[in-house]
């Protein structure tokens, strides 16, 4: 009887310390009644019933998808944008562990966590989009069409999600106090980083290669044999910009965890990321025009779709490239943070252009998402924010654990 009471007290103490952050259940609930949580609860109150409708009644009841437009918002935004914006994981970890840029080590864990959650939510988005979601593993384990680009994307995303989970696990193991297991995982850092870089290079470009089979459906200004390269380079830009954007939000939302950081040194990191993003954007700008030159599509620029293409290229590629460069020249991290938000919007616009706006551009009936599709997308984003906050509030993501400061 005494042993059972002791075990119950141990479990209760663990729950209070690890889950409820040292608070009683009442204190924890009271502390979490915030404007953000209230809005999140309202979003979930709409999104969860829509989820039930989608899986109970099928795609037809929840979307405007059709045989003409089988890919919609859930692919264009939840998957294509999600994969691109999660590219900060392999970008920053490669810079630190493979290229020796050790000064960026403080932002490795937030970048990896953002990448891990991003890829996890991509899989969630796929479950919504697939007519038979339980067949998600089929491309790998059942119908192994190894010559298909879809097979390569499915295999690489599954493997890279696993790699990201292992790369993220040291933070969780430190939180749980599992020192020996954490030590084993840390020894695999270089191998995991190399594997993550290889897998990311493959599937980021292969997502663009999916559109190579649709030359008659994708507008010529966006269709190009170089589209796999476009997707990969723009993913690097998205990853760098998303890390800057995420760090800005984290410094506001978790200021109690990072108040000991030197703001000047942190601004130097942001400026360095802005410099890399500026170079990548200028390279991407040149590549986009290489696609126009290769197809000799100059005449299409003087059309409605051509004007929209020019908006994407000049306003959302060239302009942020110069804004990043201006921020670097002025050593102004705030300019770079603003530009990061602008650049993230530009990457989202590009993926939506390729998958929705410029896809089936000449069809008589155009696709526009149903409100339920928007509800699901907003719910997935909200769920990701809640997950990031839950983890960052408990695990050493934005700071170094006191017991492991000399072990990195």
Protein backbone atom coordinates (compact mmCIF):
# COMPACT_ATOMS: atom_id res chain seq x y z
CA UNK A 1 0.00 0.00 0.00
CA UNK A 2 2.84 2.34 0.90
CA UNK A 3 4.67 1.48 -2.32
CA UNK A 4 1.56 2.23 -4.41
CA UNK A 5 1.16 5.58 -2.67
CA UNK A 6 4.83 6.35 -3.29
CA UNK A 7 4.51 5.48 -7.00
CA UNK A 8 1.39 7.65 -7.28
CA UNK A 9 3.21 10.56 -5.66
CA UNK A 10 6.14 10.09 -8.04
CA UNK A 11 3.84 10.15 -11.08
CA UNK A 12 1.99 13.18 -9.72
CA UNK A 13 5.26 15.00 -9.10
CA UNK A 14 6.50 14.15 -12.62
CA UNK A 15 3.25 15.39 -14.18
CA UNK A 16 3.37 18.61 -12.16
CA UNK A 17 7.02 19.25 -13.00
CA UNK A 18 7.17 18.17 -16.66
CA UNK A 19 3.65 18.69 -18.02
CA UNK A 20 2.15 21.46 -15.86
CA UNK A 21 5.47 23.35 -15.51
CA UNK A 22 5.49 23.24 -11.70
CA UNK A 23 1.92 24.55 -11.37
CA UNK A 24 -1.18 22.95 -9.95
CA UNK A 25 -3.85 21.97 -12.48
CA UNK A 26 -5.97 24.95 -11.44
CA UNK A 27 -3.06 27.37 -11.76
CA UNK A 28 -2.12 25.88 -15.10
CA UNK A 29 -5.64 26.28 -16.51
CA UNK A 30 -5.91 29.84 -15.19
CA UNK A 31 -2.53 30.76 -16.68
CA UNK A 32 -3.57 29.46 -20.10
CA UNK A 33 -6.73 31.55 -20.38
CA UNK A 34 -5.13 34.03 -22.78
CA UNK A 35 -6.35 35.86 -25.91
CA UNK A 36 -4.22 33.59 -28.13
CA UNK A 37 -5.62 30.42 -26.55
CA UNK A 38 -9.19 31.70 -26.79
CA UNK A 39 -8.76 32.42 -30.52
CA UNK A 40 -7.06 29.04 -31.00
CA UNK A 41 -9.96 27.31 -29.22
CA UNK A 42 -12.47 29.03 -31.51
CA UNK A 43 -10.48 27.95 -34.59
CA UNK A 44 -10.35 24.35 -33.36
CA UNK A 45 -14.08 24.49 -32.57
CA UNK A 46 -14.69 25.11 -36.27
CA UNK A 47 -11.87 23.01 -37.70
CA UNK A 48 -12.48 19.77 -35.80
CA UNK A 49 -16.12 19.37 -36.95
CA UNK A 50 -15.00 20.13 -40.51
CA UNK A 51 -12.38 17.39 -40.11
CA UNK A 52 -15.11 14.96 -39.12
CA UNK A 53 -17.16 15.96 -42.18
CA UNK A 54 -14.16 15.52 -44.48
CA UNK A 55 -13.32 12.01 -43.29
CA UNK A 56 -16.93 10.88 -42.81
CA UNK A 57 -18.37 12.15 -46.11
CA UNK A 58 -15.32 12.38 -48.37
CA UNK A 59 -13.59 15.06 -50.41
CA UNK A 60 -16.73 16.02 -52.33
CA UNK A 61 -18.49 17.21 -49.20
CA UNK A 62 -15.62 19.40 -47.98
CA UNK A 63 -13.79 20.63 -51.09
CA UNK A 64 -14.25 22.04 -54.59
CA UNK A 65 -11.77 19.55 -56.03
CA UNK A 66 -12.64 17.77 -59.27
CA UNK A 67 -11.10 15.56 -61.95
CA UNK A 68 -9.97 18.76 -63.70
CA UNK A 69 -8.52 20.22 -60.51
CA UNK A 70 -7.48 17.28 -58.29
CA UNK A 71 -4.93 19.39 -56.41
CA UNK A 72 -6.11 22.41 -54.48
CA UNK A 73 -5.36 24.44 -51.38
CA UNK A 74 -4.28 21.46 -49.29
CA UNK A 75 -1.55 20.57 -51.79
CA UNK A 76 -0.68 24.10 -52.88
CA UNK A 77 -0.41 25.56 -49.39
CA UNK A 78 -0.31 22.79 -46.77
CA UNK A 79 2.16 20.61 -48.69
CA UNK A 80 4.15 22.69 -51.19
CA UNK A 81 4.41 25.75 -48.94
CA UNK A 82 4.84 23.64 -45.81
CA UNK A 83 7.80 21.72 -47.21
CA UNK A 84 9.48 24.91 -48.46
CA UNK A 85 9.01 26.86 -45.22
CA UNK A 86 10.34 23.90 -43.21
CA UNK A 87 13.63 23.97 -45.12
CA UNK A 88 15.34 25.95 -42.38
CA UNK A 89 16.13 22.69 -40.60
CA UNK A 90 18.54 21.34 -43.19
CA UNK A 91 19.79 24.82 -44.17
CA UNK A 92 20.90 25.88 -40.67
CA UNK A 93 22.09 22.46 -39.49
CA UNK A 94 24.22 22.09 -42.64
CA UNK A 95 25.69 25.57 -42.13
CA UNK A 96 26.64 24.77 -38.53
CA UNK A 97 27.71 21.11 -38.60
CA UNK A 98 29.04 20.75 -42.17
CA UNK A 99 30.33 24.21 -43.08
CA UNK A 100 31.64 25.18 -39.66
CA UNK A 101 29.52 28.30 -39.07
CA UNK A 102 29.42 27.65 -35.33
CA UNK A 103 28.12 31.11 -34.44
CA UNK A 104 24.70 30.03 -35.73
CA UNK A 105 24.51 27.16 -33.24
CA UNK A 106 21.99 29.01 -30.98
CA UNK A 107 19.37 28.87 -33.73
CA UNK A 108 19.88 25.25 -34.78
CA UNK A 109 17.32 23.76 -32.40
CA UNK A 110 14.53 26.25 -33.18
CA UNK A 111 15.18 25.67 -36.89
CA UNK A 112 15.08 21.89 -36.50
CA UNK A 113 11.92 22.04 -34.39
CA UNK A 114 10.27 24.29 -36.99
CA UNK A 115 11.34 21.87 -39.71
CA UNK A 116 10.12 18.80 -37.81
CA UNK A 117 6.72 20.31 -37.05
CA UNK A 118 6.49 21.64 -40.62
CA UNK A 119 7.05 18.21 -42.15
CA UNK A 120 4.74 16.55 -39.62
CA UNK A 121 1.96 18.97 -40.57
CA UNK A 122 2.69 18.33 -44.26
CA UNK A 123 1.87 14.69 -43.61
CA UNK A 124 -1.31 15.77 -41.79
CA UNK A 125 -2.24 17.89 -44.81
CA UNK A 126 -1.67 14.90 -47.09
CA UNK A 127 -4.02 12.81 -44.95
CA UNK A 128 -6.75 15.38 -45.61
CA UNK A 129 -6.05 15.54 -49.33
CA UNK A 130 -5.83 11.83 -50.08
CA UNK A 131 -9.11 10.20 -51.01
CA UNK A 132 -8.04 7.13 -49.08
CA UNK A 133 -5.68 8.47 -46.38
CA UNK A 134 -4.96 5.03 -44.96
CA UNK A 135 -3.06 4.37 -48.20
CA UNK A 136 -0.45 7.01 -47.44
CA UNK A 137 2.35 4.36 -47.10
CA UNK A 138 1.35 2.61 -50.35
CA UNK A 139 3.92 4.33 -52.61
CA UNK A 140 6.70 2.93 -50.43
CA UNK A 141 5.51 -0.40 -49.05
CA UNK A 142 2.87 -1.66 -51.49
CA UNK A 143 3.13 -0.17 -54.97
CA UNK A 144 6.83 0.49 -55.35
CA UNK A 145 6.85 2.43 -58.60
CA UNK A 146 10.50 3.33 -58.23
CA UNK A 147 10.56 5.21 -61.56
CA UNK A 148 7.87 7.60 -60.34
CA UNK A 149 8.70 11.06 -59.00
CA UNK A 150 5.88 10.58 -56.49
CA UNK A 151 7.67 7.52 -55.10
CA UNK A 152 10.86 9.52 -54.63
CA UNK A 153 8.99 12.36 -52.91
CA UNK A 154 7.11 9.98 -50.62
CA UNK A 155 10.25 8.05 -49.65
CA UNK A 156 12.39 11.15 -49.07
CA UNK A 157 9.75 12.98 -47.03
CA UNK A 158 9.17 9.90 -44.86
CA UNK A 159 12.91 9.42 -44.30
CA UNK A 160 13.58 13.10 -43.69
CA UNK A 161 10.74 13.36 -41.19
CA UNK A 162 12.42 10.48 -39.34
CA UNK A 163 15.79 12.25 -39.52
CA UNK A 164 14.26 15.47 -38.16
CA UNK A 165 12.66 13.58 -35.28
CA UNK A 166 16.03 12.07 -34.33
CA UNK A 167 17.76 15.47 -34.69
CA UNK A 168 15.12 17.04 -32.45
CA UNK A 169 15.23 14.23 -29.87
CA UNK A 170 18.26 15.47 -27.84
CA UNK A 171 16.14 18.37 -26.55
CA UNK A 172 13.40 15.96 -25.49
CA UNK A 173 15.92 13.58 -23.92
CA UNK A 174 17.49 16.44 -21.94
CA UNK A 175 14.01 17.38 -20.74
CA UNK A 176 13.42 13.78 -19.63
CA UNK A 177 16.88 13.44 -18.08
CA UNK A 178 17.95 10.52 -20.29
CA UNK A 179 21.63 11.44 -20.52
CA UNK A 180 23.03 8.21 -21.93
CA UNK A 181 20.50 7.94 -24.74
CA UNK A 182 21.00 11.62 -25.52
CA UNK A 183 24.74 11.03 -25.78
CA UNK A 184 24.22 8.27 -28.35
CA UNK A 185 21.95 10.45 -30.47
CA UNK A 186 24.34 13.43 -30.38
CA UNK A 187 27.14 11.22 -31.74
CA UNK A 188 25.04 10.75 -34.90
CA UNK A 189 24.76 14.51 -35.55
CA UNK A 190 27.11 14.73 -38.54
CA UNK A 191 25.67 11.62 -40.21
CA UNK A 192 22.11 12.83 -39.67
CA UNK A 193 22.97 16.28 -41.06
CA UNK A 194 24.51 14.79 -44.21
CA UNK A 195 21.55 12.47 -44.69
CA UNK A 196 19.11 15.33 -44.13
CA UNK A 197 20.90 17.50 -46.69
CA UNK A 198 20.83 14.73 -49.31
CA UNK A 199 17.16 13.93 -48.71
CA UNK A 200 16.14 17.60 -48.73
CA UNK A 201 18.01 18.28 -51.97
CA UNK A 202 16.17 15.37 -53.57
CA UNK A 203 12.59 15.96 -52.49
CA UNK A 204 12.61 19.78 -52.56
CA UNK A 205 13.54 19.63 -56.24
CA UNK A 206 11.31 16.63 -56.93
CA UNK A 207 8.23 18.54 -55.78
CA UNK A 208 8.92 20.88 -58.69
CA UNK A 209 9.57 17.92 -60.97
CA UNK A 210 5.99 16.74 -60.35
CA UNK A 211 4.85 19.59 -62.62
CA UNK A 212 7.12 18.55 -65.49
CA UNK A 213 4.44 16.07 -66.59
CA UNK A 214 1.88 18.87 -67.02
CA UNK A 215 3.29 21.17 -69.74
CA UNK A 216 -0.17 21.73 -71.19
CA UNK A 217 -1.75 22.60 -67.85
CA UNK A 218 0.83 24.86 -66.20
CA UNK A 219 1.19 28.33 -67.76
CA UNK A 220 4.37 28.58 -69.90
CA UNK A 221 5.79 31.41 -67.77
CA UNK A 222 5.82 29.11 -64.73
CA UNK A 223 6.50 25.86 -66.59
CA UNK A 224 10.15 25.25 -67.29
CA UNK A 225 12.53 22.28 -67.45
CA UNK A 226 14.38 24.13 -64.68
CA UNK A 227 11.43 24.04 -62.28
CA UNK A 228 13.10 21.45 -59.99
CA UNK A 229 16.01 23.89 -59.58
CA UNK A 230 13.55 26.74 -58.97
CA UNK A 231 11.88 24.78 -56.18
CA UNK A 232 15.17 23.85 -54.51
CA UNK A 233 16.69 27.36 -54.57
CA UNK A 234 13.44 28.97 -53.43
CA UNK A 235 13.24 26.43 -50.59
CA UNK A 236 16.63 27.61 -49.31
CA UNK A 237 15.33 31.19 -49.43
CA UNK A 238 12.15 30.13 -47.63
CA UNK A 239 14.13 28.27 -44.96
CA UNK A 240 16.41 31.22 -44.23
CA UNK A 241 13.49 33.68 -44.16
CA UNK A 242 11.36 31.42 -42.00
CA UNK A 243 14.17 31.04 -39.45
CA UNK A 244 14.42 34.85 -39.23
CA UNK A 245 10.63 35.16 -38.91
CA UNK A 246 10.36 32.37 -36.35
CA UNK A 247 13.19 33.82 -34.25
CA UNK A 248 11.42 37.19 -34.20
CA UNK A 249 8.22 35.59 -32.92
CA UNK A 250 10.10 33.43 -30.41
CA UNK A 251 11.93 36.42 -28.93
CA UNK A 252 8.59 38.08 -28.34
CA UNK A 253 6.62 35.05 -27.12
CA UNK A 254 9.38 33.40 -25.03
CA UNK A 255 11.31 36.42 -23.79
CA UNK A 256 11.53 34.88 -20.31
CA UNK A 257 13.62 32.02 -21.71
CA UNK A 258 16.04 34.09 -23.77
CA UNK A 259 16.38 37.25 -21.73
CA UNK A 260 20.00 36.34 -21.01
CA UNK A 261 20.90 36.38 -24.71
CA UNK A 262 23.04 39.20 -26.04
CA UNK A 263 20.70 41.09 -28.41
CA UNK A 264 23.63 42.55 -30.33
CA UNK A 265 25.09 39.12 -31.05
CA UNK A 266 21.67 37.81 -31.99
CA UNK A 267 21.15 40.71 -34.40
CA UNK A 268 24.48 39.81 -36.00
CA UNK A 269 23.14 36.31 -36.67
CA UNK A 270 20.00 37.76 -38.25
CA UNK A 271 22.11 40.06 -40.44
CA UNK A 272 24.20 37.09 -41.55
CA UNK A 273 21.09 35.15 -42.51
CA UNK A 274 19.82 38.22 -44.37
CA UNK A 275 23.04 38.39 -46.38
CA UNK A 276 22.69 34.74 -47.42
CA UNK A 277 19.03 35.23 -48.30
CA UNK A 278 19.85 38.28 -50.44
CA UNK A 279 22.40 36.32 -52.48
CA UNK A 280 20.00 33.40 -52.88
CA UNK A 281 17.18 35.71 -54.01
CA UNK A 282 19.37 37.38 -56.63
CA UNK A 283 20.37 33.93 -57.91
CA UNK A 284 16.72 32.88 -58.00
CA UNK A 285 15.79 36.07 -59.90
CA UNK A 286 18.33 35.20 -62.60
CA UNK A 287 17.13 31.61 -62.78
CA UNK A 288 13.52 32.70 -63.28
CA UNK A 289 14.56 34.74 -66.33
CA UNK A 290 16.60 31.81 -67.59
CA UNK A 291 13.30 29.90 -67.71
CA UNK A 292 11.70 32.66 -69.80
CA UNK A 293 14.69 32.75 -72.15
CA UNK A 294 14.76 28.97 -72.56
CA UNK A 295 11.11 28.90 -73.63
CA UNK A 296 11.30 32.17 -75.58
CA UNK A 297 8.16 33.36 -73.78
CA UNK A 298 8.82 37.11 -74.03
CA UNK A 299 5.55 37.72 -75.84
CA UNK A 300 3.56 36.23 -72.94
CA UNK A 301 4.78 38.95 -70.60
CA UNK A 302 2.36 41.40 -72.25
CA UNK A 303 -0.70 39.45 -71.07
CA UNK A 304 -2.74 39.32 -67.85
CA UNK A 305 -0.82 36.27 -66.63
CA UNK A 306 2.40 37.92 -67.78
CA UNK A 307 1.73 40.96 -65.63
CA UNK A 308 1.10 38.67 -62.66
CA UNK A 309 4.38 36.86 -63.38
CA UNK A 310 6.19 40.22 -63.39
CA UNK A 311 4.62 41.07 -60.02
CA UNK A 312 5.91 37.81 -58.55
CA UNK A 313 9.42 38.19 -59.97
CA UNK A 314 10.03 41.89 -59.37
CA UNK A 315 7.96 42.58 -56.23
CA UNK A 316 8.45 39.31 -54.36
CA UNK A 317 11.93 38.26 -55.57
CA UNK A 318 14.01 41.25 -56.67
CA UNK A 319 12.61 43.75 -54.15
CA UNK A 320 13.27 41.59 -51.05
CA UNK A 321 16.74 40.81 -52.42
CA UNK A 322 17.53 44.53 -52.34
CA UNK A 323 15.78 45.02 -49.00
CA UNK A 324 17.89 42.26 -47.46
CA UNK A 325 21.02 43.84 -48.95
CA UNK A 326 19.98 47.24 -47.61
CA UNK A 327 19.47 45.77 -44.14
CA UNK A 328 22.90 44.15 -44.27
CA UNK A 329 24.55 47.36 -45.45
CA UNK A 330 22.88 49.40 -42.72
CA UNK A 331 23.46 46.63 -40.14
CA UNK A 332 19.76 46.94 -39.33
CA UNK A 333 18.22 43.65 -38.15
CA UNK A 334 14.72 45.15 -38.10
CA UNK A 335 14.80 45.75 -41.86
CA UNK A 336 15.86 42.14 -42.34
CA UNK A 337 13.05 40.88 -40.09
CA UNK A 338 10.47 42.84 -42.08
CA UNK A 339 11.95 41.54 -45.32
CA UNK A 340 11.76 37.97 -44.03
CA UNK A 341 7.99 38.31 -43.57
CA UNK A 342 7.71 39.78 -47.06
CA UNK A 343 9.83 36.97 -48.53
CA UNK A 344 7.81 34.24 -46.82
CA UNK A 345 4.69 35.77 -48.40
CA UNK A 346 6.46 35.70 -51.77
CA UNK A 347 7.35 32.01 -51.48
CA UNK A 348 3.75 31.22 -50.57
CA UNK A 349 2.59 33.23 -53.59
CA UNK A 350 4.93 31.29 -55.88
CA UNK A 351 3.71 27.91 -54.69
CA UNK A 352 0.06 29.01 -54.99
CA UNK A 353 0.77 30.35 -58.47
CA UNK A 354 2.31 27.08 -59.63
CA UNK A 355 -0.27 24.78 -58.06
CA UNK A 356 -3.50 26.79 -58.41
CA UNK A 357 -3.45 30.15 -60.21
CA UNK A 358 -1.21 29.24 -63.17
CA UNK A 359 -2.38 25.60 -63.18
CA UNK A 360 -5.25 24.96 -65.59
CA UNK A 361 -5.02 28.68 -66.32
CA UNK A 362 -7.04 28.36 -69.53
CA UNK A 363 -9.74 26.00 -68.20
CA UNK A 364 -13.37 27.09 -68.55
CA UNK A 365 -14.15 26.29 -64.92
CA UNK A 366 -11.54 27.52 -62.48
CA UNK A 367 -10.94 26.06 -59.02
CA UNK A 368 -11.50 28.13 -55.90
CA UNK A 369 -11.29 26.52 -52.44
CA UNK A 370 -14.42 25.90 -50.43
CA UNK A 371 -14.59 27.53 -47.00
CA UNK A 372 -14.02 24.14 -45.37
CA UNK A 373 -10.65 23.90 -47.11
CA UNK A 374 -9.61 27.23 -45.61
CA UNK A 375 -10.92 26.09 -42.21
CA UNK A 376 -8.79 22.93 -42.30
CA UNK A 377 -5.67 24.85 -43.38
CA UNK A 378 -6.08 27.44 -40.61
CA UNK A 379 -6.69 24.63 -38.12
CA UNK A 380 -3.47 22.86 -39.15
CA UNK A 381 -1.48 26.11 -38.79
CA UNK A 382 -3.01 26.75 -35.37
CA UNK A 383 -2.23 23.21 -34.27
CA UNK A 384 1.40 23.72 -35.35
CA UNK A 385 1.70 26.95 -33.36
CA UNK A 386 0.25 25.26 -30.29
CA UNK A 387 2.69 22.36 -30.64
CA UNK A 388 5.69 24.69 -31.02
CA UNK A 389 4.67 26.68 -27.96
CA UNK A 390 4.01 23.56 -25.86
CA UNK A 391 7.44 22.14 -26.69
CA UNK A 392 9.36 25.43 -26.40
CA UNK A 393 7.83 26.12 -22.98
CA UNK A 394 9.11 22.82 -21.61
CA UNK A 395 12.17 21.68 -23.52
CA UNK A 396 15.55 23.39 -24.01
CA UNK A 397 14.89 24.72 -27.52
CA UNK A 398 15.62 28.42 -27.10
CA UNK A 399 18.19 28.03 -24.35
CA UNK A 400 20.85 25.58 -23.22
CA UNK A 401 19.97 23.10 -20.51
CA UNK A 402 22.07 23.80 -17.41
CA UNK A 403 23.34 20.21 -17.26
CA UNK A 404 24.54 20.15 -20.89
CA UNK A 405 26.19 23.52 -21.49
CA UNK A 406 29.57 21.91 -22.03
CA UNK A 407 28.21 18.99 -24.07
CA UNK A 408 27.35 20.77 -27.33
